[in-house]
Amino acid sequence: MKTISIISILILCGLLLMNYQDTAGVTLLSSQIAQILHVSPRSITLNMSVYTLVIFLLGQASAIFFFAPLYTSLKEKYKAYKRELEKGSISNSTSESKIAVLENKITVLEKALDDALKNR
């Protein structure tokens, strides 16, 4: 994941350097709509590298807003799964300790039974 981020940043830097001299025009309000609204048409002329950077940042922001709910829900599910595993390991360790105690009791009772049978 980290390598993909680094590669995308390097590609972005390459695009910014290649398009530094070029310009791009962005039309905010076309002439037909401006005539209908009785206002003047609006357009912006940007350096192509700034335009590329803005598009990249908008794409990153939209990806973050799109995947943030998915990330948080997966994180919560992971924490719940981790708690369940911890509960299972705790119950297994208590079960194992109970089994060990019972085995020790059985050993003591067998020895006591052997001693009682020898004394008869």
PDB file of N, CA and C in Angstrom:
ATOM      1  N   MET A   1       0.825  -1.186   0.000  1.00  0.00           N
ATOM      2  CA  MET A   1       0.000   0.000   0.000  1.00  0.00           C
ATOM      3  C   MET A   1       0.871   1.252   0.000  1.00  0.00           C
ATOM      4  N   LYS A   2       1.948   1.192   0.782  1.00  0.00           N
ATOM      5  CA  LYS A   2       2.843   2.331   0.851  1.00  0.00           C
ATOM      6  C   LYS A   2       3.538   2.557  -0.488  1.00  0.00           C
ATOM      7  N   THR A   3       3.919   1.472  -1.153  1.00  0.00           N
ATOM      8  CA  THR A   3       4.598   1.611  -2.442  1.00  0.00           C
ATOM      9  C   THR A   3       3.666   2.208  -3.499  1.00  0.00           C
ATOM     10  N   ILE A   4       2.385   1.837  -3.451  1.00  0.00           N
ATOM     11  CA  ILE A   4       1.418   2.406  -4.394  1.00  0.00           C
ATOM     12  C   ILE A   4       1.300   3.914  -4.175  1.00  0.00           C
ATOM     13  N   SER A   5       1.281   4.340  -2.922  1.00  0.00           N
ATOM     14  CA  SER A   5       1.206   5.771  -2.619  1.00  0.00           C
ATOM     15  C   SER A   5       2.441   6.502  -3.130  1.00  0.00           C
ATOM     16  N   ILE A   6       3.595   5.915  -2.903  1.00  0.00           N
ATOM     17  CA  ILE A   6       4.837   6.551  -3.352  1.00  0.00           C
ATOM     18  C   ILE A   6       4.880   6.633  -4.872  1.00  0.00           C
ATOM     19  N   ILE A   7       4.478   5.557  -5.551  1.00  0.00           N
ATOM     20  CA  ILE A   7       4.466   5.559  -7.011  1.00  0.00           C
ATOM     21  C   ILE A   7       3.496   6.592  -7.550  1.00  0.00           C
ATOM     22  N   SER A   8       2.306   6.703  -6.938  1.00  0.00           N
ATOM     23  CA  SER A   8       1.334   7.699  -7.419  1.00  0.00           C
ATOM     24  C   SER A   8       1.833   9.127  -7.196  1.00  0.00           C
ATOM     25  N   ILE A   9       2.519   9.381  -6.096  1.00  0.00           N
ATOM     26  CA  ILE A   9       3.088  10.713  -5.849  1.00  0.00           C
ATOM     27  C   ILE A   9       4.187  11.011  -6.868  1.00  0.00           C
ATOM     28  N   LEU A  10       5.021  10.022  -7.194  1.00  0.00           N
ATOM     29  CA  LEU A  10       6.067  10.226  -8.198  1.00  0.00           C
ATOM     30  C   LEU A  10       5.477  10.511  -9.577  1.00  0.00           C
ATOM     31  N   ILE A  11       4.408   9.790  -9.929  1.00  0.00           N
ATOM     32  CA  ILE A  11       3.734  10.037 -11.212  1.00  0.00           C
ATOM     33  C   ILE A  11       3.143  11.443 -11.231  1.00  0.00           C
ATOM     34  N   LEU A  12       2.532  11.851 -10.114  1.00  0.00           N
ATOM     35  CA  LEU A  12       1.977  13.200 -10.025  1.00  0.00           C
ATOM     36  C   LEU A  12       3.066  14.251 -10.194  1.00  0.00           C
ATOM     37  N   CYS A  13       4.198  14.058  -9.541  1.00  0.00           N
ATOM     38  CA  CYS A  13       5.298  15.011  -9.680  1.00  0.00           C
ATOM     39  C   CYS A  13       5.781  15.071 -11.123  1.00  0.00           C
ATOM     40  N   GLY A  14       5.860  13.925 -11.783  1.00  0.00           N
ATOM     41  CA  GLY A  14       6.245  13.902 -13.192  1.00  0.00           C
ATOM     42  C   GLY A  14       5.258  14.657 -14.060  1.00  0.00           C
ATOM     43  N   LEU A  15       3.975  14.459 -13.817  1.00  0.00           N
ATOM     44  CA  LEU A  15       2.955  15.186 -14.584  1.00  0.00           C
ATOM     45  C   LEU A  15       3.024  16.691 -14.332  1.00  0.00           C
ATOM     46  N   LEU A  16       3.267  17.062 -13.088  1.00  0.00           N
ATOM     47  CA  LEU A  16       3.377  18.486 -12.768  1.00  0.00           C
ATOM     48  C   LEU A  16       4.563  19.120 -13.488  1.00  0.00           C
ATOM     49  N   LEU A  17       5.690  18.410 -13.518  1.00  0.00           N
ATOM     50  CA  LEU A  17       6.871  18.947 -14.189  1.00  0.00           C
ATOM     51  C   LEU A  17       6.685  19.003 -15.703  1.00  0.00           C
ATOM     52  N   MET A  18       6.027  18.001 -16.277  1.00  0.00           N
ATOM     53  CA  MET A  18       5.832  17.980 -17.727  1.00  0.00           C
ATOM     54  C   MET A  18       4.861  19.067 -18.185  1.00  0.00           C
ATOM     55  N   ASN A  19       3.870  19.387 -17.363  1.00  0.00           N
ATOM     56  CA  ASN A  19       2.823  20.321 -17.771  1.00  0.00           C
ATOM     57  C   ASN A  19       2.970  21.703 -17.141  1.00  0.00           C
ATOM     58  N   TYR A  20       4.148  22.035 -16.675  1.00  0.00           N
ATOM     59  CA  TYR A  20       4.338  23.305 -15.988  1.00  0.00           C
ATOM     60  C   TYR A  20       4.134  24.504 -16.918  1.00  0.00           C
ATOM     61  N   GLN A  21       4.503  24.380 -18.180  1.00  0.00           N
ATOM     62  CA  GLN A  21       4.416  25.499 -19.117  1.00  0.00           C
ATOM     63  C   GLN A  21       3.036  25.645 -19.756  1.00  0.00           C
ATOM     64  N   ASP A  22       2.238  24.582 -19.744  1.00  0.00           N
ATOM     65  CA  ASP A  22       0.939  24.605 -20.423  1.00  0.00           C
ATOM     66  C   ASP A  22      -0.127  25.262 -19.556  1.00  0.00           C
ATOM     67  N   THR A  23      -1.187  25.735 -20.230  1.00  0.00           N
ATOM     68  CA  THR A  23      -2.321  26.305 -19.507  1.00  0.00           C
ATOM     69  C   THR A  23      -3.591  25.581 -19.926  1.00  0.00           C
ATOM     70  N   ALA A  24      -4.585  25.650 -19.059  1.00  0.00           N
ATOM     71  CA  ALA A  24      -5.881  25.024 -19.338  1.00  0.00           C
ATOM     72  C   ALA A  24      -6.977  26.020 -18.991  1.00  0.00           C
ATOM     73  N   GLY A  25      -7.988  26.084 -19.832  1.00  0.00           N
ATOM     74  CA  GLY A  25      -9.123  26.951 -19.576  1.00  0.00           C
ATOM     75  C   GLY A  25     -10.293  26.151 -19.030  1.00  0.00           C
ATOM     76  N   VAL A  26     -10.859  26.618 -17.963  1.00  0.00           N
ATOM     77  CA  VAL A  26     -12.014  25.973 -17.339  1.00  0.00           C
ATOM     78  C   VAL A  26     -13.192  26.929 -17.453  1.00  0.00           C
ATOM     79  N   THR A  27     -14.266  26.478 -18.097  1.00  0.00           N
ATOM     80  CA  THR A  27     -15.455  27.316 -18.264  1.00  0.00           C
ATOM     81  C   THR A  27     -16.390  27.084 -17.089  1.00  0.00           C
ATOM     82  N   LEU A  28     -16.628  28.123 -16.328  1.00  0.00           N
ATOM     83  CA  LEU A  28     -17.541  28.032 -15.190  1.00  0.00           C
ATOM     84  C   LEU A  28     -18.991  28.280 -15.610  1.00  0.00           C
ATOM     85  N   LEU A  29     -19.179  29.227 -16.540  1.00  0.00           N
ATOM     86  CA  LEU A  29     -20.520  29.576 -16.986  1.00  0.00           C
ATOM     87  C   LEU A  29     -20.458  29.777 -18.502  1.00  0.00           C
ATOM     88  N   SER A  30     -21.116  28.886 -19.245  1.00  0.00           N
ATOM     89  CA  SER A  30     -21.044  28.956 -20.709  1.00  0.00           C
ATOM     90  C   SER A  30     -21.811  30.170 -21.231  1.00  0.00           C
ATOM     91  N   SER A  31     -21.526  30.517 -22.485  1.00  0.00           N
ATOM     92  CA  SER A  31     -22.142  31.721 -23.061  1.00  0.00           C
ATOM     93  C   SER A  31     -23.653  31.563 -23.235  1.00  0.00           C
ATOM     94  N   GLN A  32     -24.131  30.361 -23.563  1.00  0.00           N
ATOM     95  CA  GLN A  32     -25.575  30.156 -23.727  1.00  0.00           C
ATOM     96  C   GLN A  32     -26.314  30.341 -22.400  1.00  0.00           C
ATOM     97  N   ILE A  33     -25.784  29.770 -21.346  1.00  0.00           N
ATOM     98  CA  ILE A  33     -26.428  29.904 -20.036  1.00  0.00           C
ATOM     99  C   ILE A  33     -26.305  31.339 -19.538  1.00  0.00           C
ATOM    100  N   ALA A  34     -25.167  31.969 -19.821  1.00  0.00           N
ATOM    101  CA  ALA A  34     -24.978  33.363 -19.410  1.00  0.00           C
ATOM    102  C   ALA A  34     -25.987  34.279 -20.099  1.00  0.00           C
ATOM    103  N   GLN A  35     -26.318  34.021 -21.386  1.00  0.00           N
ATOM    104  CA  GLN A  35     -27.323  34.828 -22.077  1.00  0.00           C
ATOM    105  C   GLN A  35     -28.699  34.633 -21.458  1.00  0.00           C
ATOM    106  N   ILE A  36     -29.015  33.416 -21.073  1.00  0.00           N
ATOM    107  CA  ILE A  36     -30.308  33.152 -20.448  1.00  0.00           C
ATOM    108  C   ILE A  36     -30.415  33.875 -19.103  1.00  0.00           C
ATOM    109  N   LEU A  37     -29.328  33.864 -18.337  1.00  0.00           N
ATOM    110  CA  LEU A  37     -29.327  34.492 -17.012  1.00  0.00           C
ATOM    111  C   LEU A  37     -29.008  35.986 -17.059  1.00  0.00           C
ATOM    112  N   HIS A  38     -28.665  36.509 -18.238  1.00  0.00           N
ATOM    113  CA  HIS A  38     -28.317  37.923 -18.434  1.00  0.00           C
ATOM    114  C   HIS A  38     -27.106  38.333 -17.604  1.00  0.00           C
ATOM    115  N   VAL A  39     -26.096  37.469 -17.600  1.00  0.00           N
ATOM    116  CA  VAL A  39     -24.809  37.769 -16.956  1.00  0.00           C
ATOM    117  C   VAL A  39     -23.701  37.481 -17.962  1.00  0.00           C
ATOM    118  N   SER A  40     -22.505  37.868 -17.613  1.00  0.00           N
ATOM    119  CA  SER A  40     -21.395  37.615 -18.534  1.00  0.00           C
ATOM    120  C   SER A  40     -20.841  36.195 -18.304  1.00  0.00           C
ATOM    121  N   PRO A  41     -20.340  35.552 -19.386  1.00  0.00           N
ATOM    122  CA  PRO A  41     -19.770  34.209 -19.227  1.00  0.00           C
ATOM    123  C   PRO A  41     -18.520  34.234 -18.343  1.00  0.00           C
ATOM    124  N   ARG A  42     -18.305  33.156 -17.628  1.00  0.00           N
ATOM    125  CA  ARG A  42     -17.168  33.080 -16.712  1.00  0.00           C
ATOM    126  C   ARG A  42     -16.274  31.905 -17.110  1.00  0.00           C
ATOM    127  N   SER A  43     -14.992  32.151 -17.119  1.00  0.00           N
ATOM    128  CA  SER A  43     -14.015  31.086 -17.351  1.00  0.00           C
ATOM    129  C   SER A  43     -12.741  31.417 -16.597  1.00  0.00           C
ATOM    130  N   ILE A  44     -11.973  30.396 -16.262  1.00  0.00           N
ATOM    131  CA  ILE A  44     -10.728  30.546 -15.528  1.00  0.00           C
ATOM    132  C   ILE A  44      -9.623  29.905 -16.363  1.00  0.00           C
ATOM    133  N   THR A  45      -8.494  30.570 -16.465  1.00  0.00           N
ATOM    134  CA  THR A  45      -7.325  30.005 -17.126  1.00  0.00           C
ATOM    135  C   THR A  45      -6.313  29.647 -16.048  1.00  0.00           C
ATOM    136  N   LEU A  46      -6.008  28.348 -15.964  1.00  0.00           N
ATOM    137  CA  LEU A  46      -5.091  27.851 -14.944  1.00  0.00           C
ATOM    138  C   LEU A  46      -3.845  27.266 -15.592  1.00  0.00           C
ATOM    139  N   ASN A  47      -2.787  27.293 -14.840  1.00  0.00           N
ATOM    140  CA  ASN A  47      -1.600  26.564 -15.239  1.00  0.00           C
ATOM    141  C   ASN A  47      -1.960  25.077 -15.203  1.00  0.00           C
ATOM    142  N   MET A  48      -1.517  24.326 -16.188  1.00  0.00           N
ATOM    143  CA  MET A  48      -1.917  22.912 -16.281  1.00  0.00           C
ATOM    144  C   MET A  48      -1.423  22.102 -15.085  1.00  0.00           C
ATOM    145  N   SER A  49      -0.274  22.471 -14.518  1.00  0.00           N
ATOM    146  CA  SER A  49       0.218  21.740 -13.354  1.00  0.00           C
ATOM    147  C   SER A  49      -0.672  22.000 -12.140  1.00  0.00           C
ATOM    148  N   VAL A  50      -1.168  23.225 -11.995  1.00  0.00           N
ATOM    149  CA  VAL A  50      -2.090  23.529 -10.893  1.00  0.00           C
ATOM    150  C   VAL A  50      -3.407  22.780 -11.105  1.00  0.00           C
ATOM    151  N   TYR A  51      -3.853  22.752 -12.355  1.00  0.00           N
ATOM    152  CA  TYR A  51      -5.088  22.021 -12.688  1.00  0.00           C
ATOM    153  C   TYR A  51      -4.937  20.536 -12.363  1.00  0.00           C
ATOM    154  N   THR A  52      -3.794  19.940 -12.716  1.00  0.00           N
ATOM    155  CA  THR A  52      -3.538  18.525 -12.417  1.00  0.00           C
ATOM    156  C   THR A  52      -3.507  18.294 -10.918  1.00  0.00           C
ATOM    157  N   LEU A  53      -2.855  19.193 -10.192  1.00  0.00           N
ATOM    158  CA  LEU A  53      -2.768  19.067  -8.732  1.00  0.00           C
ATOM    159  C   LEU A  53      -4.149  19.164  -8.092  1.00  0.00           C
ATOM    160  N   VAL A  54      -4.975  20.083  -8.559  1.00  0.00           N
ATOM    161  CA  VAL A  54      -6.330  20.229  -8.010  1.00  0.00           C
ATOM    162  C   VAL A  54      -7.151  18.970  -8.278  1.00  0.00           C
ATOM    163  N   ILE A  55      -7.078  18.437  -9.484  1.00  0.00           N
ATOM    164  CA  ILE A  55      -7.819  17.213  -9.814  1.00  0.00           C
ATOM    165  C   ILE A  55      -7.337  16.050  -8.954  1.00  0.00           C
ATOM    166  N   PHE A  56      -6.014  15.943  -8.759  1.00  0.00           N
ATOM    167  CA  PHE A  56      -5.463  14.871  -7.926  1.00  0.00           C
ATOM    168  C   PHE A  56      -5.966  14.988  -6.487  1.00  0.00           C
ATOM    169  N   LEU A  57      -5.902  16.190  -5.933  1.00  0.00           N
ATOM    170  CA  LEU A  57      -6.343  16.388  -4.544  1.00  0.00           C
ATOM    171  C   LEU A  57      -7.837  16.133  -4.381  1.00  0.00           C
ATOM    172  N   LEU A  58      -8.631  16.543  -5.361  1.00  0.00           N
ATOM    173  CA  LEU A  58     -10.071  16.257  -5.302  1.00  0.00           C
ATOM    174  C   LEU A  58     -10.339  14.759  -5.375  1.00  0.00           C
ATOM    175  N   GLY A  59      -9.568  14.049  -6.180  1.00  0.00           N
ATOM    176  CA  GLY A  59      -9.706  12.594  -6.250  1.00  0.00           C
ATOM    177  C   GLY A  59      -9.330  11.917  -4.942  1.00  0.00           C
ATOM    178  N   GLN A  60      -8.249  12.399  -4.315  1.00  0.00           N
ATOM    179  CA  GLN A  60      -7.837  11.842  -3.026  1.00  0.00           C
ATOM    180  C   GLN A  60      -8.901  12.107  -1.961  1.00  0.00           C
ATOM    181  N   ALA A  61      -9.440  13.318  -1.941  1.00  0.00           N
ATOM    182  CA  ALA A  61     -10.469  13.665  -0.946  1.00  0.00           C
ATOM    183  C   ALA A  61     -11.724  12.830  -1.149  1.00  0.00           C
ATOM    184  N   SER A  62     -12.136  12.637  -2.394  1.00  0.00           N
ATOM    185  CA  SER A  62     -13.335  11.832  -2.637  1.00  0.00           C
ATOM    186  C   SER A  62     -13.104  10.373  -2.260  1.00  0.00           C
ATOM    187  N   ALA A  63     -11.908   9.858  -2.500  1.00  0.00           N
ATOM    188  CA  ALA A  63     -11.604   8.481  -2.101  1.00  0.00           C
ATOM    189  C   ALA A  63     -11.629   8.340  -0.583  1.00  0.00           C
ATOM    190  N   ILE A  64     -11.091   9.332   0.109  1.00  0.00           N
ATOM    191  CA  ILE A  64     -11.096   9.281   1.576  1.00  0.00           C
ATOM    192  C   ILE A  64     -12.524   9.322   2.105  1.00  0.00           C
ATOM    193  N   PHE A  65     -13.351  10.218   1.578  1.00  0.00           N
ATOM    194  CA  PHE A  65     -14.732  10.311   2.046  1.00  0.00           C
ATOM    195  C   PHE A  65     -15.546   9.083   1.665  1.00  0.00           C
ATOM    196  N   PHE A  66     -15.208   8.446   0.553  1.00  0.00           N
ATOM    197  CA  PHE A  66     -15.935   7.258   0.124  1.00  0.00           C
ATOM    198  C   PHE A  66     -15.569   6.040   0.966  1.00  0.00           C
ATOM    199  N   PHE A  67     -14.273   5.876   1.265  1.00  0.00           N
ATOM    200  CA  PHE A  67     -13.832   4.678   1.975  1.00  0.00           C
ATOM    201  C   PHE A  67     -13.742   4.840   3.485  1.00  0.00           C
ATOM    202  N   ALA A  68     -13.900   6.033   4.020  1.00  0.00           N
ATOM    203  CA  ALA A  68     -13.815   6.233   5.466  1.00  0.00           C
ATOM    204  C   ALA A  68     -14.876   5.431   6.230  1.00  0.00           C
ATOM    205  N   PRO A  69     -16.143   5.410   5.818  1.00  0.00           N
ATOM    206  CA  PRO A  69     -17.116   4.590   6.553  1.00  0.00           C
ATOM    207  C   PRO A  69     -16.789   3.093   6.482  1.00  0.00           C
ATOM    208  N   LEU A  70     -16.311   2.641   5.353  1.00  0.00           N
ATOM    209  CA  LEU A  70     -15.933   1.238   5.225  1.00  0.00           C
ATOM    210  C   LEU A  70     -14.766   0.915   6.147  1.00  0.00           C
ATOM    211  N   TYR A  71     -13.793   1.803   6.208  1.00  0.00           N
ATOM    212  CA  TYR A  71     -12.624   1.593   7.059  1.00  0.00           C
ATOM    213  C   TYR A  71     -13.024   1.547   8.534  1.00  0.00           C
ATOM    214  N   THR A  72     -13.873   2.476   8.956  1.00  0.00           N
ATOM    215  CA  THR A  72     -14.269   2.495  10.371  1.00  0.00           C
ATOM    216  C   THR A  72     -15.083   1.266  10.736  1.00  0.00           C
ATOM    217  N   SER A  73     -15.967   0.817   9.839  1.00  0.00           N
ATOM    218  CA  SER A  73     -16.758  -0.372  10.158  1.00  0.00           C
ATOM    219  C   SER A  73     -15.874  -1.615  10.213  1.00  0.00           C
ATOM    220  N   LEU A  74     -14.915  -1.718   9.310  1.00  0.00           N
ATOM    221  CA  LEU A  74     -13.998  -2.860   9.355  1.00  0.00           C
ATOM    222  C   LEU A  74     -13.122  -2.818  10.601  1.00  0.00           C
ATOM    223  N   LYS A  75     -12.733  -1.626  11.016  1.00  0.00           N
ATOM    224  CA  LYS A  75     -11.931  -1.483  12.225  1.00  0.00           C
ATOM    225  C   LYS A  75     -12.718  -1.926  13.458  1.00  0.00           C
ATOM    226  N   GLU A  76     -13.999  -1.542  13.532  1.00  0.00           N
ATOM    227  CA  GLU A  76     -14.848  -1.950  14.658  1.00  0.00           C
ATOM    228  C   GLU A  76     -15.058  -3.466  14.657  1.00  0.00           C
ATOM    229  N   LYS A  77     -15.275  -4.043  13.474  1.00  0.00           N
ATOM    230  CA  LYS A  77     -15.441  -5.497  13.387  1.00  0.00           C
ATOM    231  C   LYS A  77     -14.170  -6.211  13.816  1.00  0.00           C
ATOM    232  N   TYR A  78     -13.023  -5.667  13.442  1.00  0.00           N
ATOM    233  CA  TYR A  78     -11.746  -6.265  13.826  1.00  0.00           C
ATOM    234  C   TYR A  78     -11.571  -6.237  15.342  1.00  0.00           C
ATOM    235  N   LYS A  79     -11.918  -5.098  15.960  1.00  0.00           N
ATOM    236  CA  LYS A  79     -11.806  -4.998  17.419  1.00  0.00           C
ATOM    237  C   LYS A  79     -12.745  -5.985  18.109  1.00  0.00           C
ATOM    238  N   ALA A  80     -13.971  -6.133  17.592  1.00  0.00           N
ATOM    239  CA  ALA A  80     -14.920  -7.074  18.181  1.00  0.00           C
ATOM    240  C   ALA A  80     -14.408  -8.506  18.028  1.00  0.00           C
ATOM    241  N   TYR A  81     -13.863  -8.826  16.874  1.00  0.00           N
ATOM    242  CA  TYR A  81     -13.316 -10.169  16.636  1.00  0.00           C
ATOM    243  C   TYR A  81     -12.135 -10.436  17.557  1.00  0.00           C
ATOM    244  N   LYS A  82     -11.297  -9.415  17.766  1.00  0.00           N
ATOM    245  CA  LYS A  82     -10.149  -9.555  18.654  1.00  0.00           C
ATOM    246  C   LYS A  82     -10.605  -9.812  20.089  1.00  0.00           C
ATOM    247  N   ARG A  83     -11.660  -9.087  20.525  1.00  0.00           N
ATOM    248  CA  ARG A  83     -12.194  -9.311  21.878  1.00  0.00           C
ATOM    249  C   ARG A  83     -12.731 -10.729  22.026  1.00  0.00           C
ATOM    250  N   GLU A  84     -13.421 -11.225  20.987  1.00  0.00           N
ATOM    251  CA  GLU A  84     -13.948 -12.590  21.040  1.00  0.00           C
ATOM    252  C   GLU A  84     -12.818 -13.608  21.142  1.00  0.00           C
ATOM    253  N   LEU A  85     -11.749 -13.378  20.397  1.00  0.00           N
ATOM    254  CA  LEU A  85     -10.602 -14.290  20.474  1.00  0.00           C
ATOM    255  C   LEU A  85      -9.971 -14.257  21.861  1.00  0.00           C
ATOM    256  N   GLU A  86      -9.879 -13.058  22.450  1.00  0.00           N
ATOM    257  CA  GLU A  86      -9.327 -12.960  23.800  1.00  0.00           C
ATOM    258  C   GLU A  86     -10.215 -13.678  24.810  1.00  0.00           C
ATOM    259  N   LYS A  87     -11.538 -13.529  24.672  1.00  0.00           N
ATOM    260  CA  LYS A  87     -12.461 -14.229  25.566  1.00  0.00           C
ATOM    261  C   LYS A  87     -12.310 -15.730  25.415  1.00  0.00           C
ATOM    262  N   GLY A  88     -12.169 -16.183  24.167  1.00  0.00           N
ATOM    263  CA  GLY A  88     -11.994 -17.611  23.915  1.00  0.00           C
ATOM    264  C   GLY A  88     -10.710 -18.133  24.513  1.00  0.00           C
ATOM    265  N   SER A  89      -9.638 -17.373  24.409  1.00  0.00           N
ATOM    266  CA  SER A  89      -8.364 -17.829  24.967  1.00  0.00           C
ATOM    267  C   SER A  89      -8.414 -17.826  26.489  1.00  0.00           C
ATOM    268  N   ILE A  90      -9.117 -16.840  27.075  1.00  0.00           N
ATOM    269  CA  ILE A  90      -9.248 -16.811  28.537  1.00  0.00           C
ATOM    270  C   ILE A  90     -10.084 -17.995  29.010  1.00  0.00           C
ATOM    271  N   SER A  91     -11.182 -18.280  28.316  1.00  0.00           N
ATOM    272  CA  SER A  91     -12.016 -19.412  28.734  1.00  0.00           C
ATOM    273  C   SER A  91     -11.279 -20.726  28.524  1.00  0.00           C
ATOM    274  N   ASN A  92     -10.459 -20.807  27.471  1.00  0.00           N
ATOM    275  CA  ASN A  92      -9.664 -22.015  27.257  1.00  0.00           C
ATOM    276  C   ASN A  92      -8.627 -22.196  28.353  1.00  0.00           C
ATOM    277  N   SER A  93      -7.989 -21.117  28.781  1.00  0.00           N
ATOM    278  CA  SER A  93      -6.980 -21.231  29.836  1.00  0.00           C
ATOM    279  C   SER A  93      -7.633 -21.585  31.165  1.00  0.00           C
ATOM    280  N   THR A  94      -8.835 -21.034  31.455  1.00  0.00           N
ATOM    281  CA  THR A  94      -9.520 -21.414  32.690  1.00  0.00           C
ATOM    282  C   THR A  94      -9.990 -22.858  32.614  1.00  0.00           C
ATOM    283  N   SER A  95     -10.429 -23.291  31.431  1.00  0.00           N
ATOM    284  CA  SER A  95     -10.834 -24.691  31.273  1.00  0.00           C
ATOM    285  C   SER A  95      -9.642 -25.614  31.458  1.00  0.00           C
ATOM    286  N   GLU A  96      -8.504 -25.221  30.893  1.00  0.00           N
ATOM    287  CA  GLU A  96      -7.300 -26.034  31.044  1.00  0.00           C
ATOM    288  C   GLU A  96      -6.862 -26.104  32.504  1.00  0.00           C
ATOM    289  N   SER A  97      -6.968 -25.013  33.229  1.00  0.00           N
ATOM    290  CA  SER A  97      -6.588 -25.024  34.644  1.00  0.00           C
ATOM    291  C   SER A  97      -7.563 -25.875  35.454  1.00  0.00           C
ATOM    292  N   LYS A  98      -8.852 -25.824  35.101  1.00  0.00           N
ATOM    293  CA  LYS A  98      -9.831 -26.669  35.791  1.00  0.00           C
ATOM    294  C   LYS A  98      -9.553 -28.137  35.525  1.00  0.00           C
ATOM    295  N   ILE A  99      -9.188 -28.451  34.297  1.00  0.00           N
ATOM    296  CA  ILE A  99      -8.860 -29.837  33.946  1.00  0.00           C
ATOM    297  C   ILE A  99      -7.631 -30.289  34.717  1.00  0.00           C
ATOM    298  N   ALA A 100      -6.626 -29.434  34.834  1.00  0.00           N
ATOM    299  CA  ALA A 100      -5.409 -29.787  35.580  1.00  0.00           C
ATOM    300  C   ALA A 100      -5.737 -30.030  37.047  1.00  0.00           C
ATOM    301  N   VAL A 101      -6.594 -29.195  37.639  1.00  0.00           N
ATOM    302  CA  VAL A 101      -6.986 -29.380  39.043  1.00  0.00           C
ATOM    303  C   VAL A 101      -7.725 -30.702  39.215  1.00  0.00           C
ATOM    304  N   LEU A 102      -8.641 -30.994  38.294  1.00  0.00           N
ATOM    305  CA  LEU A 102      -9.380 -32.263  38.375  1.00  0.00           C
ATOM    306  C   LEU A 102      -8.453 -33.462  38.208  1.00  0.00           C
ATOM    307  N   GLU A 103      -7.482 -33.373  37.319  1.00  0.00           N
ATOM    308  CA  GLU A 103      -6.530 -34.473  37.152  1.00  0.00           C
ATOM    309  C   GLU A 103      -5.711 -34.677  38.418  1.00  0.00           C
ATOM    310  N   ASN A 104      -5.306 -33.587  39.062  1.00  0.00           N
ATOM    311  CA  ASN A 104      -4.569 -33.706  40.333  1.00  0.00           C
ATOM    312  C   ASN A 104      -5.436 -34.347  41.416  1.00  0.00           C
ATOM    313  N   LYS A 105      -6.713 -33.977  41.468  1.00  0.00           N
ATOM    314  CA  LYS A 105      -7.620 -34.576  42.449  1.00  0.00           C
ATOM    315  C   LYS A 105      -7.790 -36.061  42.183  1.00  0.00           C
ATOM    316  N   ILE A 106      -7.923 -36.432  40.919  1.00  0.00           N
ATOM    317  CA  ILE A 106      -8.067 -37.847  40.567  1.00  0.00           C
ATOM    318  C   ILE A 106      -6.816 -38.612  40.969  1.00  0.00           C
ATOM    319  N   THR A 107      -5.652 -38.030  40.739  1.00  0.00           N
ATOM    320  CA  THR A 107      -4.401 -38.689  41.128  1.00  0.00           C
ATOM    321  C   THR A 107      -4.345 -38.882  42.634  1.00  0.00           C
ATOM    322  N   VAL A 108      -4.730 -37.864  43.399  1.00  0.00           N
ATOM    323  CA  VAL A 108      -4.731 -37.977  44.869  1.00  0.00           C
ATOM    324  C   VAL A 108      -5.729 -39.034  45.318  1.00  0.00           C
ATOM    325  N   LEU A 109      -6.921 -39.064  44.706  1.00  0.00           N
ATOM    326  CA  LEU A 109      -7.926 -40.068  45.087  1.00  0.00           C
ATOM    327  C   LEU A 109      -7.469 -41.477  44.722  1.00  0.00           C
ATOM    328  N   GLU A 110      -6.816 -41.656  43.584  1.00  0.00           N
ATOM    329  CA  GLU A 110      -6.311 -42.979  43.214  1.00  0.00           C
ATOM    330  C   GLU A 110      -5.257 -43.452  44.197  1.00  0.00           C
ATOM    331  N   LYS A 111      -4.366 -42.521  44.604  1.00  0.00           N
ATOM    332  CA  LYS A 111      -3.343 -42.884  45.572  1.00  0.00           C
ATOM    333  C   LYS A 111      -3.966 -43.244  46.930  1.00  0.00           C
ATOM    334  N   ALA A 112      -4.987 -42.477  47.331  1.00  0.00           N
ATOM    335  CA  ALA A 112      -5.655 -42.761  48.598  1.00  0.00           C
ATOM    336  C   ALA A 112      -6.376 -44.104  48.529  1.00  0.00           C
ATOM    337  N   LEU A 113      -6.976 -44.410  47.368  1.00  0.00           N
ATOM    338  CA  LEU A 113      -7.656 -45.700  47.204  1.00  0.00           C
ATOM    339  C   LEU A 113      -6.657 -46.839  47.242  1.00  0.00           C
ATOM    340  N   ASP A 114      -5.504 -46.680  46.610  1.00  0.00           N
ATOM    341  CA  ASP A 114      -4.458 -47.709  46.648  1.00  0.00           C
ATOM    342  C   ASP A 114      -3.963 -47.927  48.063  1.00  0.00           C
ATOM    343  N   ASP A 115      -3.763 -46.833  48.804  1.00  0.00           N
ATOM    344  CA  ASP A 115      -3.297 -46.951  50.198  1.00  0.00           C
ATOM    345  C   ASP A 115      -4.358 -47.641  51.056  1.00  0.00           C
ATOM    346  N   ALA A 116      -5.639 -47.326  50.818  1.00  0.00           N
ATOM    347  CA  ALA A 116      -6.715 -47.942  51.595  1.00  0.00           C
ATOM    348  C   ALA A 116      -6.816 -49.430  51.285  1.00  0.00           C
ATOM    349  N   LEU A 117      -6.613 -49.818  50.032  1.00  0.00           N
ATOM    350  CA  LEU A 117      -6.683 -51.232  49.664  1.00  0.00           C
ATOM    351  C   LEU A 117      -5.488 -51.991  50.216  1.00  0.00           C
ATOM    352  N   LYS A 118      -4.327 -51.382  50.319  1.00  0.00           N
ATOM    353  CA  LYS A 118      -3.141 -52.044  50.854  1.00  0.00           C
ATOM    354  C   LYS A 118      -3.280 -52.260  52.355  1.00  0.00           C
ATOM    355  N   ASN A 119      -3.933 -51.338  53.063  1.00  0.00           N
ATOM    356  CA  ASN A 119      -4.107 -51.421  54.486  1.00  0.00           C
ATOM    357  C   ASN A 119      -5.148 -52.478  54.883  1.00  0.00           C
ATOM    358  N   ARG A 120      -5.987 -52.917  54.039  1.00  0.00           N
ATOM    359  CA  ARG A 120      -7.008 -53.918  54.350  1.00  0.00           C
ATOM    360  C   ARG A 120      -6.413 -55.219  54.398  1.00  0.00           C
TER     361      ARG A 120
END
